[in-house]
Amino acid sequence: MTNFFAGTLSDRYGRKPVLIAGWRIALPVPAMLAWGPTWGWIIAANVLLGMNQGLTWSTTVIMKIDLVGPERRGLAMGFNEAAGYVAVAATAMATGAIAEHAGLRPEPFLLGAAYVVLALGLSTLAVRETRDHARAEAAHHPRQTGSDAELTTSQIARLTSLSDKALSAASQAGMVNNLNDALAWGIFPLLFATHGLSIAQIGVLAALYPAVWGAGQMLTGWWSDHIGRKHLITAGMLLQAAAIALVAAGTTFSVWATAQVLLGMGTALVYPTLLAVIGDVAHPAWRARSVGVYRLWRDGGFAVGALLAGILADAYGLTTAIWAVAALTAVSGLVVAMRMYETHPRT
C-alpha cells in the first residue's frame, strides 16, 4: 500500500525526502525482529518493514526512470532490480549459514541492522534529487500540454489498473509474479523441510532463485530495449509457470535447484520489463504516481500469494497449492499475450 503513496509523495515533495523517510522508518525493525518478546512485535516490525520497502524501493525505481531516457529504460530497471535481488540472494545465503550455526535470533538480524544504517547514510549523503529531470522531460514531451499531462491521481489509478491495456496487463502480471515470490519464500521452504532438507540446504535453494533473477535482469532489461517488452514478459510468465510445476513434481534437492534456476530466469525476463512498460506509457508529469499504482498491485501479490498459498496448503496440502499457483501464472502470461500492446518506442 505504501508504494501508492510513495509515487504521490515523491511528486509533491521530491524523491530524496521520501527515500530518507523510508530508511528512518526501518531503523527499529532489525531490533524488533531480533529481540521482540511476543508475536505482536514481529507483526509490528513487518508493518514498518512494508512501509520502508514501499517508500525506498519505489523511490529508487522512480529516480532511475527520471535519469534515463526511453532508449535505456529497460537497462536502468534491470540494474536497479538486479542490485536488489542479488542482495536478497546473498542475504538469504548468509542468514541461512548464520542461523545454522548461531540460531534464528538474534544474530541473523544484526546483518539487517548494518544494512539499514548504511542505506540511510548513503541516502542522506550521496543521493541527489531527480524530480527536476522528470519536469524537464515533461516540458519537452510530445504530449506536454492538454488533458493527458493533467490527470488526477484517481484517473491515473484507473488508467494504470484497468483502462490502458498495456498498463493494466502489466499490473496483473506484476501481481501474479510477486504472488510467486510469496510462494517461493513461504511455501517452498516448508515443502523442502518436509522432505528432510537441512536449514543450510533450504538457504541455498532460497538463494538460487533471487541470484539468477537478480543477475539475469542486467541482461533482460537491456534486451527489452532492443527487441521490445511484450514477448519477453509473456515468455517469462510461462517459464515461471513451468518452473513452479517442476517444484510441485520434484522430490530431490537437484530437481528443486533446477526449478529455482528456471524460476529465476523467468522472473528476470519479467521484472524489469514490466517497470519499463510503465515508464514507456506513463506521461512524465504523472509517471511517478503510475509507478506507485503499478507497484501497489505488484507488491500486493506478496500478500495475496501468502494468503492464497497458505489457505490452499492448509486445506489441500503444500503440493496442491503449488500446482494452483503454477496454473494461475500460466493464465497471467496468456493475458499479457492477448491484451498488452508493444510499448517500446523503437518497436
Protein backbone atom coordinates (compact mmCIF):
# COMPACT_ATOMS: atom_id res chain seq x y z
CA MET A 1 0.00 0.00 0.00
CA THR A 2 2.86 2.36 0.75
CA ASN A 3 4.03 2.10 -2.87
CA PHE A 4 0.97 4.10 -3.92
CA PHE A 5 1.78 6.93 -1.54
CA ALA A 6 5.47 6.84 -2.47
CA GLY A 7 4.65 7.92 -6.01
CA THR A 8 2.30 10.69 -4.89
CA LEU A 9 4.64 11.98 -2.17
CA SER A 10 7.69 11.96 -4.44
CA ASP A 11 5.81 14.13 -6.95
CA ARG A 12 4.80 16.53 -4.19
CA TYR A 13 7.91 16.74 -2.01
CA GLY A 14 10.68 15.29 -4.18
CA ARG A 15 12.30 11.87 -4.37
CA LYS A 16 15.11 12.22 -1.85
CA PRO A 17 12.98 13.19 1.20
CA VAL A 18 10.76 10.16 0.61
CA LEU A 19 13.81 7.90 0.31
CA ILE A 20 15.29 9.17 3.56
CA ALA A 21 11.96 8.89 5.38
CA GLY A 22 11.70 5.26 4.29
CA TRP A 23 15.07 4.37 5.77
CA ARG A 24 14.34 6.20 9.01
CA ILE A 25 11.20 4.10 9.41
CA ALA A 26 13.34 0.95 9.06
CA LEU A 27 15.73 1.79 11.91
CA PRO A 28 13.92 -0.17 14.68
CA VAL A 29 12.99 -3.16 12.51
CA PRO A 30 16.09 -5.39 13.00
CA ALA A 31 15.97 -4.97 16.78
CA MET A 32 12.24 -5.74 16.88
CA LEU A 33 12.76 -8.94 14.92
CA ALA A 34 15.85 -9.95 16.87
CA TRP A 35 14.56 -9.38 20.40
CA GLY A 36 10.80 -8.93 20.15
CA PRO A 37 9.30 -10.80 23.16
CA THR A 38 5.88 -11.54 21.60
CA TRP A 39 4.40 -12.20 18.19
CA GLY A 40 2.88 -8.70 18.22
CA TRP A 41 6.40 -7.25 17.97
CA ILE A 42 7.04 -9.35 14.87
CA ILE A 43 3.81 -8.17 13.25
CA ALA A 44 4.64 -4.54 14.05
CA ALA A 45 8.13 -4.98 12.60
CA ASN A 46 6.66 -6.32 9.37
CA VAL A 47 4.34 -3.30 9.14
CA LEU A 48 7.32 -0.97 9.44
CA LEU A 49 9.33 -3.06 7.00
CA GLY A 50 6.50 -2.85 4.47
CA MET A 51 6.40 0.92 4.82
CA ASN A 52 10.19 1.04 4.40
CA GLN A 53 10.12 -1.10 1.26
CA GLY A 54 7.27 0.84 -0.30
CA LEU A 55 8.93 4.21 0.20
CA THR A 56 12.52 3.28 -0.60
CA TRP A 57 12.27 0.82 -3.47
CA SER A 58 9.52 2.71 -5.29
CA THR A 59 11.57 5.88 -4.99
CA THR A 60 14.74 4.31 -6.37
CA VAL A 61 12.75 3.00 -9.35
CA ILE A 62 11.24 6.43 -9.96
CA MET A 63 14.62 8.12 -9.67
CA LYS A 64 16.25 5.84 -12.22
CA ILE A 65 13.39 6.36 -14.67
CA ASP A 66 13.86 10.11 -14.15
CA LEU A 67 17.56 9.84 -15.02
CA VAL A 68 17.38 7.81 -18.24
CA GLY A 69 15.54 8.23 -21.49
CA PRO A 70 13.27 5.68 -23.18
CA GLU A 71 16.13 4.07 -25.09
CA ARG A 72 17.82 2.88 -21.86
CA ARG A 73 14.84 2.47 -19.56
CA GLY A 74 14.91 -1.32 -19.57
CA LEU A 75 18.64 -1.37 -18.86
CA ALA A 76 18.22 1.00 -15.91
CA MET A 77 15.37 -1.06 -14.47
CA GLY A 78 17.44 -4.19 -14.92
CA PHE A 79 20.34 -2.76 -12.95
CA ASN A 80 18.06 -1.44 -10.21
CA GLU A 81 16.24 -4.73 -9.71
CA ALA A 82 19.46 -6.72 -10.08
CA ALA A 83 21.07 -4.75 -7.26
CA GLY A 84 18.12 -5.50 -5.01
CA TYR A 85 17.68 -9.18 -5.71
CA VAL A 86 21.35 -10.09 -5.82
CA ALA A 87 21.38 -8.63 -2.31
CA VAL A 88 18.35 -10.75 -1.43
CA ALA A 89 20.19 -13.85 -2.65
CA ALA A 90 23.40 -13.01 -0.80
CA THR A 91 21.48 -12.28 2.38
CA ALA A 92 19.44 -15.48 2.12
CA MET A 93 22.67 -17.44 1.83
CA ALA A 94 24.38 -15.52 4.64
CA THR A 95 21.49 -15.61 7.09
CA GLY A 96 20.90 -19.31 6.42
CA ALA A 97 24.52 -20.02 7.30
CA ILE A 98 24.39 -17.76 10.36
CA ALA A 99 21.17 -19.38 11.59
CA GLU A 100 22.62 -22.85 11.08
CA HIS A 101 25.50 -22.06 13.44
CA ALA A 102 24.13 -19.41 15.81
CA GLY A 103 20.36 -19.88 15.85
CA LEU A 104 17.45 -17.96 14.37
CA ARG A 105 17.69 -14.98 16.74
CA PRO A 106 19.30 -12.51 17.19
CA GLU A 107 22.44 -12.97 15.07
CA PRO A 108 20.91 -13.10 11.54
CA PHE A 109 19.12 -9.81 12.11
CA LEU A 110 22.28 -7.94 13.05
CA LEU A 111 23.15 -8.05 9.35
CA GLY A 112 19.88 -6.25 8.65
CA ALA A 113 20.79 -3.55 11.17
CA ALA A 114 24.03 -2.88 9.30
CA TYR A 115 22.13 -2.63 6.02
CA VAL A 116 19.71 -0.04 7.40
CA VAL A 117 22.47 2.19 8.80
CA LEU A 118 24.46 2.01 5.55
CA ALA A 119 21.41 2.75 3.39
CA LEU A 120 20.31 5.72 5.49
CA GLY A 121 23.82 7.17 5.34
CA LEU A 122 24.05 6.79 1.56
CA SER A 123 20.57 8.21 1.02
CA THR A 124 21.36 11.25 3.13
CA LEU A 125 24.90 11.99 1.94
CA ALA A 126 25.26 10.61 -1.59
CA VAL A 127 21.88 10.61 -3.33
CA ARG A 128 20.80 13.68 -5.30
CA GLU A 129 17.27 14.86 -6.07
CA THR A 130 15.98 13.81 -9.53
CA ARG A 131 12.48 15.32 -9.74
CA ASP A 132 13.66 18.19 -11.95
CA HIS A 133 14.80 15.64 -14.56
CA ALA A 134 11.20 14.45 -14.88
CA ARG A 135 9.93 18.00 -15.08
CA ALA A 136 12.42 18.80 -17.84
CA GLU A 137 11.35 15.70 -19.76
CA ALA A 138 7.69 16.67 -19.35
CA ALA A 139 8.37 20.14 -20.70
CA HIS A 140 9.71 18.66 -23.97
CA HIS A 141 7.28 15.75 -24.17
CA PRO A 142 5.09 15.46 -27.31
CA ARG A 143 2.05 15.47 -25.00
CA GLN A 144 3.30 18.20 -22.68
CA THR A 145 0.06 20.19 -22.82
CA GLY A 146 -3.59 19.29 -22.56
CA SER A 147 -5.52 16.74 -20.58
CA ASP A 148 -3.02 13.90 -20.94
CA ALA A 149 -0.46 15.73 -18.82
CA GLU A 150 -3.01 16.90 -16.23
CA LEU A 151 -4.64 13.72 -14.96
CA THR A 152 -5.75 13.47 -11.34
CA THR A 153 -4.39 10.74 -9.08
CA SER A 154 -7.69 8.82 -9.25
CA GLN A 155 -7.64 8.98 -13.07
CA ILE A 156 -4.06 7.71 -13.08
CA ALA A 157 -5.05 4.85 -10.76
CA ARG A 158 -7.90 3.82 -13.08
CA LEU A 159 -5.72 4.12 -16.18
CA THR A 160 -2.92 2.03 -14.70
CA SER A 161 -5.22 -0.57 -13.16
CA LEU A 162 -7.94 -1.01 -15.78
CA SER A 163 -8.25 1.35 -18.74
CA ASP A 164 -4.95 1.21 -20.59
CA LYS A 165 -4.33 -2.27 -21.99
CA ALA A 166 -0.57 -2.24 -21.53
CA LEU A 167 -0.58 -0.68 -18.07
CA SER A 168 -3.35 -2.93 -16.76
CA ALA A 169 -1.81 -6.07 -18.27
CA ALA A 170 1.49 -5.14 -16.61
CA SER A 171 -0.27 -4.57 -13.28
CA GLN A 172 -1.92 -8.00 -13.23
CA ALA A 173 1.28 -9.72 -14.39
CA GLY A 174 3.24 -7.93 -11.68
CA MET A 175 0.77 -9.08 -9.03
CA VAL A 176 0.94 -12.71 -10.16
CA ASN A 177 4.73 -12.53 -10.38
CA ASN A 178 5.02 -11.44 -6.76
CA LEU A 179 2.38 -13.97 -5.79
CA ASN A 180 5.01 -16.46 -6.96
CA ASP A 181 7.55 -14.83 -4.67
CA ALA A 182 5.28 -15.32 -1.67
CA LEU A 183 5.05 -18.97 -2.66
CA ALA A 184 8.81 -19.27 -3.13
CA TRP A 185 9.68 -17.68 0.20
CA GLY A 186 6.73 -19.01 2.23
CA ILE A 187 5.59 -22.40 0.96
CA PHE A 188 8.69 -23.74 -0.81
CA PRO A 189 10.81 -23.86 2.39
CA LEU A 190 8.03 -25.79 4.16
CA LEU A 191 7.92 -28.29 1.30
CA PHE A 192 11.70 -28.65 1.32
CA ALA A 193 11.71 -29.17 5.08
CA THR A 194 9.08 -31.92 4.90
CA HIS A 195 11.45 -33.85 2.63
CA GLY A 196 14.26 -33.65 5.19
CA LEU A 197 16.43 -30.86 3.80
CA SER A 198 18.62 -29.01 6.31
CA ILE A 199 18.35 -25.29 7.06
CA ALA A 200 21.59 -24.71 5.10
CA GLN A 201 20.21 -26.58 2.06
CA ILE A 202 16.97 -24.61 2.22
CA GLY A 203 19.05 -21.44 2.42
CA VAL A 204 20.89 -22.43 -0.77
CA LEU A 205 17.62 -23.08 -2.61
CA ALA A 206 16.18 -19.82 -1.32
CA ALA A 207 19.27 -18.01 -2.62
CA LEU A 208 19.35 -19.64 -6.07
CA TYR A 209 16.08 -18.10 -7.21
CA PRO A 210 16.85 -14.43 -6.48
CA ALA A 211 20.51 -14.88 -7.53
CA VAL A 212 19.56 -15.96 -11.05
CA TRP A 213 16.71 -13.47 -11.10
CA GLY A 214 18.91 -10.61 -9.93
CA ALA A 215 21.91 -11.25 -12.17
CA GLY A 216 19.73 -12.06 -15.18
CA GLN A 217 17.97 -8.70 -15.06
CA MET A 218 21.12 -6.89 -16.13
CA LEU A 219 20.75 -8.71 -19.46
CA THR A 220 16.98 -8.89 -19.83
CA GLY A 221 16.38 -5.20 -19.14
CA TRP A 222 18.89 -4.29 -21.84
CA TRP A 223 17.37 -6.93 -24.13
CA SER A 224 13.90 -5.39 -23.81
CA ASP A 225 15.34 -2.08 -25.01
CA HIS A 226 16.30 -3.80 -28.27
CA ILE A 227 13.51 -6.28 -29.05
CA GLY A 228 10.56 -4.83 -27.15
CA ARG A 229 8.74 -5.63 -23.93
CA LYS A 230 5.68 -7.77 -24.62
CA HIS A 231 7.23 -11.03 -25.82
CA LEU A 232 9.78 -11.13 -23.01
CA ILE A 233 7.03 -10.70 -20.41
CA THR A 234 4.88 -13.43 -21.97
CA ALA A 235 7.79 -15.87 -22.20
CA GLY A 236 8.88 -15.09 -18.65
CA MET A 237 5.46 -15.74 -17.14
CA LEU A 238 5.12 -19.08 -18.95
CA LEU A 239 8.64 -20.11 -17.90
CA GLN A 240 7.79 -19.29 -14.29
CA ALA A 241 4.68 -21.47 -14.53
CA ALA A 242 6.76 -24.40 -15.79
CA ALA A 243 9.35 -23.92 -13.02
CA ILE A 244 6.71 -23.85 -10.28
CA ALA A 245 5.18 -27.02 -11.69
CA LEU A 246 8.62 -28.66 -11.54
CA VAL A 247 8.86 -27.77 -7.84
CA ALA A 248 5.49 -29.44 -7.26
CA ALA A 249 6.58 -32.55 -9.16
CA GLY A 250 10.07 -32.81 -7.65
CA THR A 251 11.28 -34.58 -4.53
CA THR A 252 15.06 -34.04 -4.53
CA PHE A 253 17.49 -31.18 -3.96
CA SER A 254 18.85 -31.32 -7.52
CA VAL A 255 15.39 -31.13 -9.13
CA TRP A 256 14.39 -28.25 -6.91
CA ALA A 257 17.67 -26.45 -7.61
CA THR A 258 16.95 -26.73 -11.34
CA ALA A 259 13.44 -25.40 -10.78
CA GLN A 260 14.74 -22.45 -8.77
CA VAL A 261 17.15 -21.54 -11.56
CA LEU A 262 14.36 -21.70 -14.16
CA LEU A 263 12.09 -19.66 -11.92
CA GLY A 264 14.82 -17.04 -11.58
CA MET A 265 15.26 -16.91 -15.35
CA GLY A 266 11.53 -16.44 -15.89
CA THR A 267 11.30 -13.69 -13.29
CA ALA A 268 14.35 -11.95 -14.77
CA LEU A 269 12.55 -11.74 -18.11
CA VAL A 270 9.50 -10.19 -16.48
CA TYR A 271 10.54 -7.97 -13.60
CA PRO A 272 12.49 -5.05 -15.12
CA THR A 273 10.49 -5.26 -18.34
CA LEU A 274 7.19 -4.61 -16.58
CA LEU A 275 8.63 -1.48 -14.96
CA ALA A 276 9.91 -0.36 -18.34
CA VAL A 277 6.38 -0.72 -19.74
CA ILE A 278 5.08 1.68 -17.10
CA GLY A 279 7.86 4.14 -17.92
CA ASP A 280 7.14 3.83 -21.66
CA VAL A 281 3.42 4.57 -21.40
CA ALA A 282 3.06 6.97 -18.46
CA HIS A 283 3.47 10.70 -19.09
CA PRO A 284 6.47 12.22 -17.25
CA ALA A 285 4.14 14.55 -15.38
CA TRP A 286 2.39 11.65 -13.65
CA ARG A 287 4.81 8.77 -14.19
CA ALA A 288 5.83 8.56 -10.52
CA ARG A 289 2.20 8.11 -9.48
CA SER A 290 1.67 5.47 -12.16
CA VAL A 291 4.73 3.59 -10.89
CA GLY A 292 3.25 3.79 -7.41
CA VAL A 293 -0.08 2.33 -8.58
CA TYR A 294 1.67 -0.44 -10.51
CA ARG A 295 3.80 -1.33 -7.51
CA LEU A 296 0.69 -1.30 -5.32
CA TRP A 297 -0.69 -4.10 -7.49
CA ARG A 298 2.65 -5.85 -7.98
CA ASP A 299 3.73 -5.96 -4.36
CA GLY A 300 0.15 -6.68 -3.35
CA GLY A 301 0.93 -10.05 -4.87
CA PHE A 302 3.15 -10.79 -1.86
CA ALA A 303 0.11 -10.50 0.43
CA VAL A 304 -2.34 -12.22 -1.90
CA GLY A 305 0.11 -15.03 -2.60
CA ALA A 306 0.90 -15.61 1.06
CA LEU A 307 -2.79 -15.82 1.98
CA LEU A 308 -3.84 -17.84 -1.07
CA ALA A 309 -0.99 -20.33 -0.82
CA GLY A 310 -1.43 -20.67 2.93
CA ILE A 311 -5.17 -21.30 2.68
CA LEU A 312 -4.75 -23.83 -0.14
CA ALA A 313 -1.87 -25.57 1.64
CA ASP A 314 -3.89 -25.90 4.85
CA ALA A 315 -6.93 -27.21 3.01
CA TYR A 316 -5.39 -29.42 0.32
CA GLY A 317 -1.66 -29.75 1.05
CA LEU A 318 1.54 -27.99 0.01
CA THR A 319 1.82 -29.63 -3.40
CA THR A 320 -1.74 -28.73 -4.43
CA ALA A 321 -1.13 -25.10 -3.50
CA ILE A 322 1.98 -25.03 -5.68
CA TRP A 323 0.18 -26.59 -8.66
CA ALA A 324 -2.60 -23.99 -8.34
CA VAL A 325 -0.13 -21.10 -8.44
CA ALA A 326 1.59 -22.64 -11.48
CA ALA A 327 -1.74 -22.67 -13.33
CA LEU A 328 -2.52 -19.08 -12.31
CA THR A 329 0.89 -17.93 -13.56
CA ALA A 330 0.33 -19.55 -16.95
CA VAL A 331 -3.05 -17.81 -17.27
CA SER A 332 -1.42 -14.48 -16.43
CA GLY A 333 1.11 -14.97 -19.23
CA LEU A 334 -1.70 -15.62 -21.70
CA VAL A 335 -3.46 -12.43 -20.57
CA VAL A 336 -0.30 -10.46 -21.41
CA ALA A 337 -0.09 -12.15 -24.81
CA MET A 338 -3.68 -11.24 -25.65
CA ARG A 339 -4.11 -7.82 -24.00
CA MET A 340 -0.79 -5.94 -23.91
CA TYR A 341 0.38 -3.91 -26.86
CA GLU A 342 4.08 -3.30 -27.51
CA THR A 343 5.19 -0.14 -25.72
CA HIS A 344 8.85 0.40 -26.58
CA PRO A 345 9.15 3.43 -28.92
CA ARG A 346 11.66 1.69 -31.19
CA THR A 347 9.38 -1.28 -31.87
